[in-house]
Amino acid sequence: MDEPLPRANKKSGQVSYHDQAQLHELQVFAGEETRRTHYSTILGAYFSGFREANKLLKH
């Protein structure tokens, strides 16, 4: 599994890999098994990918 994505420091707005104390991580999961509706379908996989892509854009 890939490592979680680093979240920017809220005060400075920048990502610093050296300052681990102020670094927050974001981990996203996608796939048809993560949907309550459209379980085990291509459409469920599409919707969950779309959901996680929106989380990344807001990140």
PDB file of N, CA and C in Angstrom:
ATOM      1  N   MET A   1       0.841  -1.175   0.000  1.00  0.00           N
ATOM      2  CA  MET A   1       0.000   0.000   0.000  1.00  0.00           C
ATOM      3  C   MET A   1       0.887   1.240   0.000  1.00  0.00           C
ATOM      4  N   ASP A   2       0.451   2.243  -0.726  1.00  0.00           N
ATOM      5  CA  ASP A   2       1.192   3.498  -0.762  1.00  0.00           C
ATOM      6  C   ASP A   2       1.119   4.204   0.577  1.00  0.00           C
ATOM      7  N   GLU A   3       2.077   5.082   0.797  1.00  0.00           N
ATOM      8  CA  GLU A   3       2.078   5.872   2.026  1.00  0.00           C
ATOM      9  C   GLU A   3       0.988   6.934   1.952  1.00  0.00           C
ATOM     10  N   PRO A   4       0.433   7.351   3.092  1.00  0.00           N
ATOM     11  CA  PRO A   4      -0.576   8.408   3.099  1.00  0.00           C
ATOM     12  C   PRO A   4      -0.016   9.714   2.552  1.00  0.00           C
ATOM     13  N   LEU A   5      -0.893  10.534   2.025  1.00  0.00           N
ATOM     14  CA  LEU A   5      -0.487  11.829   1.489  1.00  0.00           C
ATOM     15  C   LEU A   5      -0.296  12.828   2.624  1.00  0.00           C
ATOM     16  N   PRO A   6       0.756  13.628   2.573  1.00  0.00           N
ATOM     17  CA  PRO A   6       0.956  14.628   3.627  1.00  0.00           C
ATOM     18  C   PRO A   6      -0.014  15.790   3.465  1.00  0.00           C
ATOM     19  N   ARG A   7      -0.473  16.300   4.554  1.00  0.00           N
ATOM     20  CA  ARG A   7      -1.357  17.460   4.546  1.00  0.00           C
ATOM     21  C   ARG A   7      -0.540  18.687   4.927  1.00  0.00           C
ATOM     22  N   ALA A   8      -0.844  19.795   4.312  1.00  0.00           N
ATOM     23  CA  ALA A   8      -0.105  21.030   4.571  1.00  0.00           C
ATOM     24  C   ALA A   8      -0.326  21.512   5.998  1.00  0.00           C
ATOM     25  N   ASN A   9       0.673  22.173   6.525  1.00  0.00           N
ATOM     26  CA  ASN A   9       0.582  22.805   7.828  1.00  0.00           C
ATOM     27  C   ASN A   9      -0.491  23.885   7.740  1.00  0.00           C
ATOM     28  N   LYS A  10      -1.461  23.860   8.639  1.00  0.00           N
ATOM     29  CA  LYS A  10      -2.574  24.809   8.562  1.00  0.00           C
ATOM     30  C   LYS A  10      -2.140  26.253   8.797  1.00  0.00           C
ATOM     31  N   LYS A  11      -1.108  26.465   9.587  1.00  0.00           N
ATOM     32  CA  LYS A  11      -0.661  27.835   9.861  1.00  0.00           C
ATOM     33  C   LYS A  11       0.087  28.429   8.678  1.00  0.00           C
ATOM     34  N   SER A  12       1.030  27.673   8.123  1.00  0.00           N
ATOM     35  CA  SER A  12       1.857  28.215   7.047  1.00  0.00           C
ATOM     36  C   SER A  12       1.312  27.894   5.666  1.00  0.00           C
ATOM     37  N   GLY A  13       0.506  26.819   5.548  1.00  0.00           N
ATOM     38  CA  GLY A  13      -0.019  26.428   4.251  1.00  0.00           C
ATOM     39  C   GLY A  13       0.967  25.640   3.411  1.00  0.00           C
ATOM     40  N   GLN A  14       2.135  25.329   3.962  1.00  0.00           N
ATOM     41  CA  GLN A  14       3.159  24.607   3.223  1.00  0.00           C
ATOM     42  C   GLN A  14       3.373  23.224   3.821  1.00  0.00           C
ATOM     43  N   VAL A  15       3.828  22.320   2.968  1.00  0.00           N
ATOM     44  CA  VAL A  15       4.160  20.970   3.416  1.00  0.00           C
ATOM     45  C   VAL A  15       5.647  20.902   3.693  1.00  0.00           C
ATOM     46  N   SER A  16       5.989  20.514   4.891  1.00  0.00           N
ATOM     47  CA  SER A  16       7.388  20.355   5.276  1.00  0.00           C
ATOM     48  C   SER A  16       7.595  18.921   5.727  1.00  0.00           C
ATOM     49  N   TYR A  17       8.396  18.171   4.974  1.00  0.00           N
ATOM     50  CA  TYR A  17       8.660  16.784   5.342  1.00  0.00           C
ATOM     51  C   TYR A  17       9.631  16.697   6.516  1.00  0.00           C
ATOM     52  N   HIS A  18      10.285  17.799   6.859  1.00  0.00           N
ATOM     53  CA  HIS A  18      11.260  17.794   7.944  1.00  0.00           C
ATOM     54  C   HIS A  18      10.611  18.059   9.299  1.00  0.00           C
ATOM     55  N   ASP A  19       9.461  18.681   9.295  1.00  0.00           N
ATOM     56  CA  ASP A  19       8.779  19.017  10.540  1.00  0.00           C
ATOM     57  C   ASP A  19       7.630  18.035  10.766  1.00  0.00           C
ATOM     58  N   GLN A  20       7.934  16.829  11.201  1.00  0.00           N
ATOM     59  CA  GLN A  20       6.939  15.782  11.362  1.00  0.00           C
ATOM     60  C   GLN A  20       5.922  16.090  12.456  1.00  0.00           C
ATOM     61  N   ALA A  21       6.275  16.929  13.418  1.00  0.00           N
ATOM     62  CA  ALA A  21       5.351  17.241  14.506  1.00  0.00           C
ATOM     63  C   ALA A  21       4.140  18.014  14.002  1.00  0.00           C
ATOM     64  N   GLN A  22       4.289  18.774  12.928  1.00  0.00           N
ATOM     65  CA  GLN A  22       3.203  19.598  12.424  1.00  0.00           C
ATOM     66  C   GLN A  22       2.600  19.038  11.140  1.00  0.00           C
ATOM     67  N   LEU A  23       2.959  17.826  10.776  1.00  0.00           N
ATOM     68  CA  LEU A  23       2.493  17.227   9.530  1.00  0.00           C
ATOM     69  C   LEU A  23       1.323  16.293   9.800  1.00  0.00           C
ATOM     70  N   HIS A  24       0.251  16.473   9.056  1.00  0.00           N
ATOM     71  CA  HIS A  24      -0.918  15.603   9.156  1.00  0.00           C
ATOM     72  C   HIS A  24      -0.973  14.771   7.885  1.00  0.00           C
ATOM     73  N   GLU A  25      -1.517  13.578   7.979  1.00  0.00           N
ATOM     74  CA  GLU A  25      -1.577  12.705   6.821  1.00  0.00           C
ATOM     75  C   GLU A  25      -3.018  12.451   6.406  1.00  0.00           C
ATOM     76  N   LEU A  26      -3.184  12.202   5.117  1.00  0.00           N
ATOM     77  CA  LEU A  26      -4.485  11.873   4.558  1.00  0.00           C
ATOM     78  C   LEU A  26      -4.351  10.551   3.832  1.00  0.00           C
ATOM     79  N   GLN A  27      -5.212   9.618   4.140  1.00  0.00           N
ATOM     80  CA  GLN A  27      -5.204   8.326   3.472  1.00  0.00           C
ATOM     81  C   GLN A  27      -6.587   8.108   2.890  1.00  0.00           C
ATOM     82  N   VAL A  28      -6.645   7.750   1.607  1.00  0.00           N
ATOM     83  CA  VAL A  28      -7.928   7.558   0.947  1.00  0.00           C
ATOM     84  C   VAL A  28      -8.064   6.119   0.468  1.00  0.00           C
ATOM     85  N   PHE A  29      -9.291   5.633   0.454  1.00  0.00           N
ATOM     86  CA  PHE A  29      -9.599   4.289  -0.018  1.00  0.00           C
ATOM     87  C   PHE A  29     -10.696   4.388  -1.067  1.00  0.00           C
ATOM     88  N   ALA A  30     -10.530   3.661  -2.151  1.00  0.00           N
ATOM     89  CA  ALA A  30     -11.542   3.634  -3.199  1.00  0.00           C
ATOM     90  C   ALA A  30     -11.757   2.189  -3.632  1.00  0.00           C
ATOM     91  N   GLY A  31     -12.894   1.936  -4.224  1.00  0.00           N
ATOM     92  CA  GLY A  31     -13.228   0.609  -4.728  1.00  0.00           C
ATOM     93  C   GLY A  31     -14.694   0.313  -4.496  1.00  0.00           C
ATOM     94  N   GLU A  32     -15.224  -0.605  -5.279  1.00  0.00           N
ATOM     95  CA  GLU A  32     -16.658  -0.891  -5.186  1.00  0.00           C
ATOM     96  C   GLU A  32     -17.059  -1.437  -3.825  1.00  0.00           C
ATOM     97  N   GLU A  33     -16.120  -1.997  -3.100  1.00  0.00           N
ATOM     98  CA  GLU A  33     -16.432  -2.542  -1.773  1.00  0.00           C
ATOM     99  C   GLU A  33     -16.557  -1.450  -0.709  1.00  0.00           C
ATOM    100  N   THR A  34     -16.215  -0.204  -1.035  1.00  0.00           N
ATOM    101  CA  THR A  34     -16.308   0.889  -0.066  1.00  0.00           C
ATOM    102  C   THR A  34     -17.612   1.672  -0.209  1.00  0.00           C
ATOM    103  N   ARG A  35     -18.491   1.245  -1.102  1.00  0.00           N
ATOM    104  CA  ARG A  35     -19.781   1.909  -1.308  1.00  0.00           C
ATOM    105  C   ARG A  35     -20.892   1.136  -0.615  1.00  0.00           C
ATOM    106  N   ARG A  36     -21.810   1.844   0.021  1.00  0.00           N
ATOM    107  CA  ARG A  36     -22.967   1.169   0.638  1.00  0.00           C
ATOM    108  C   ARG A  36     -23.991   0.793  -0.430  1.00  0.00           C
ATOM    109  N   THR A  37     -24.039   1.586  -1.491  1.00  0.00           N
ATOM    110  CA  THR A  37     -24.905   1.264  -2.625  1.00  0.00           C
ATOM    111  C   THR A  37     -24.011   0.865  -3.793  1.00  0.00           C
ATOM    112  N   HIS A  38     -24.542   0.194  -4.761  1.00  0.00           N
ATOM    113  CA  HIS A  38     -23.791  -0.273  -5.941  1.00  0.00           C
ATOM    114  C   HIS A  38     -22.617  -1.165  -5.539  1.00  0.00           C
ATOM    115  N   TYR A  39     -22.850  -1.999  -4.557  1.00  0.00           N
ATOM    116  CA  TYR A  39     -21.835  -2.912  -4.035  1.00  0.00           C
ATOM    117  C   TYR A  39     -21.436  -3.925  -5.112  1.00  0.00           C
ATOM    118  N   SER A  40     -20.143  -4.128  -5.301  1.00  0.00           N
ATOM    119  CA  SER A  40     -19.585  -5.102  -6.253  1.00  0.00           C
ATOM    120  C   SER A  40     -19.974  -4.805  -7.698  1.00  0.00           C
ATOM    121  N   THR A  41     -19.981  -3.526  -8.059  1.00  0.00           N
ATOM    122  CA  THR A  41     -20.289  -3.150  -9.443  1.00  0.00           C
ATOM    123  C   THR A  41     -19.244  -2.173  -9.960  1.00  0.00           C
ATOM    124  N   ILE A  42     -19.168  -2.072 -11.278  1.00  0.00           N
ATOM    125  CA  ILE A  42     -18.276  -1.090 -11.903  1.00  0.00           C
ATOM    126  C   ILE A  42     -18.707   0.320 -11.514  1.00  0.00           C
ATOM    127  N   LEU A  43     -20.005   0.545 -11.465  1.00  0.00           N
ATOM    128  CA  LEU A  43     -20.520   1.862 -11.095  1.00  0.00           C
ATOM    129  C   LEU A  43     -20.117   2.229  -9.671  1.00  0.00           C
ATOM    130  N   GLY A  44     -20.128   1.258  -8.766  1.00  0.00           N
ATOM    131  CA  GLY A  44     -19.678   1.507  -7.396  1.00  0.00           C
ATOM    132  C   GLY A  44     -18.211   1.888  -7.348  1.00  0.00           C
ATOM    133  N   ALA A  45     -17.386   1.222  -8.160  1.00  0.00           N
ATOM    134  CA  ALA A  45     -15.959   1.559  -8.226  1.00  0.00           C
ATOM    135  C   ALA A  45     -15.773   2.971  -8.774  1.00  0.00           C
ATOM    136  N   TYR A  46     -16.544   3.321  -9.800  1.00  0.00           N
ATOM    137  CA  TYR A  46     -16.470   4.663 -10.384  1.00  0.00           C
ATOM    138  C   TYR A  46     -16.848   5.725  -9.348  1.00  0.00           C
ATOM    139  N   PHE A  47     -17.973   5.515  -8.669  1.00  0.00           N
ATOM    140  CA  PHE A  47     -18.429   6.494  -7.679  1.00  0.00           C
ATOM    141  C   PHE A  47     -17.448   6.641  -6.521  1.00  0.00           C
ATOM    142  N   SER A  48     -16.880   5.547  -6.061  1.00  0.00           N
ATOM    143  CA  SER A  48     -15.935   5.649  -4.945  1.00  0.00           C
ATOM    144  C   SER A  48     -14.649   6.338  -5.388  1.00  0.00           C
ATOM    145  N   GLY A  49     -14.208   6.100  -6.612  1.00  0.00           N
ATOM    146  CA  GLY A  49     -13.042   6.813  -7.138  1.00  0.00           C
ATOM    147  C   GLY A  49     -13.310   8.303  -7.260  1.00  0.00           C
ATOM    148  N   PHE A  50     -14.503   8.643  -7.716  1.00  0.00           N
ATOM    149  CA  PHE A  50     -14.906  10.047  -7.824  1.00  0.00           C
ATOM    150  C   PHE A  50     -14.937  10.707  -6.447  1.00  0.00           C
ATOM    151  N   ARG A  51     -15.464   9.990  -5.460  1.00  0.00           N
ATOM    152  CA  ARG A  51     -15.533  10.501  -4.082  1.00  0.00           C
ATOM    153  C   ARG A  51     -14.139  10.794  -3.537  1.00  0.00           C
ATOM    154  N   GLU A  52     -13.211   9.859  -3.728  1.00  0.00           N
ATOM    155  CA  GLU A  52     -11.859  10.043  -3.201  1.00  0.00           C
ATOM    156  C   GLU A  52     -11.096  11.112  -3.976  1.00  0.00           C
ATOM    157  N   ALA A  53     -11.352  11.238  -5.272  1.00  0.00           N
ATOM    158  CA  ALA A  53     -10.724  12.307  -6.056  1.00  0.00           C
ATOM    159  C   ALA A  53     -11.170  13.672  -5.543  1.00  0.00           C
ATOM    160  N   ASN A  54     -12.443  13.798  -5.180  1.00  0.00           N
ATOM    161  CA  ASN A  54     -12.931  15.056  -4.606  1.00  0.00           C
ATOM    162  C   ASN A  54     -12.257  15.358  -3.277  1.00  0.00           C
ATOM    163  N   LYS A  55     -12.008  14.332  -2.467  1.00  0.00           N
ATOM    164  CA  LYS A  55     -11.289  14.543  -1.207  1.00  0.00           C
ATOM    165  C   LYS A  55      -9.886  15.071  -1.471  1.00  0.00           C
ATOM    166  N   LEU A  56      -9.227  14.525  -2.502  1.00  0.00           N
ATOM    167  CA  LEU A  56      -7.877  14.986  -2.832  1.00  0.00           C
ATOM    168  C   LEU A  56      -7.883  16.429  -3.325  1.00  0.00           C
ATOM    169  N   LEU A  57      -8.890  16.793  -4.107  1.00  0.00           N
ATOM    170  CA  LEU A  57      -8.978  18.166  -4.602  1.00  0.00           C
ATOM    171  C   LEU A  57      -9.205  19.158  -3.462  1.00  0.00           C
ATOM    172  N   LYS A  58      -9.949  18.753  -2.448  1.00  0.00           N
ATOM    173  CA  LYS A  58     -10.192  19.616  -1.288  1.00  0.00           C
ATOM    174  C   LYS A  58      -9.009  19.640  -0.339  1.00  0.00           C
ATOM    175  N   HIS A  59      -8.126  18.671  -0.472  1.00  0.00           N
ATOM    176  CA  HIS A  59      -6.952  18.532   0.386  1.00  0.00           C
ATOM    177  C   HIS A  59      -5.999  19.647   0.061  1.00  0.00           C
TER     178      HIS A  59
END
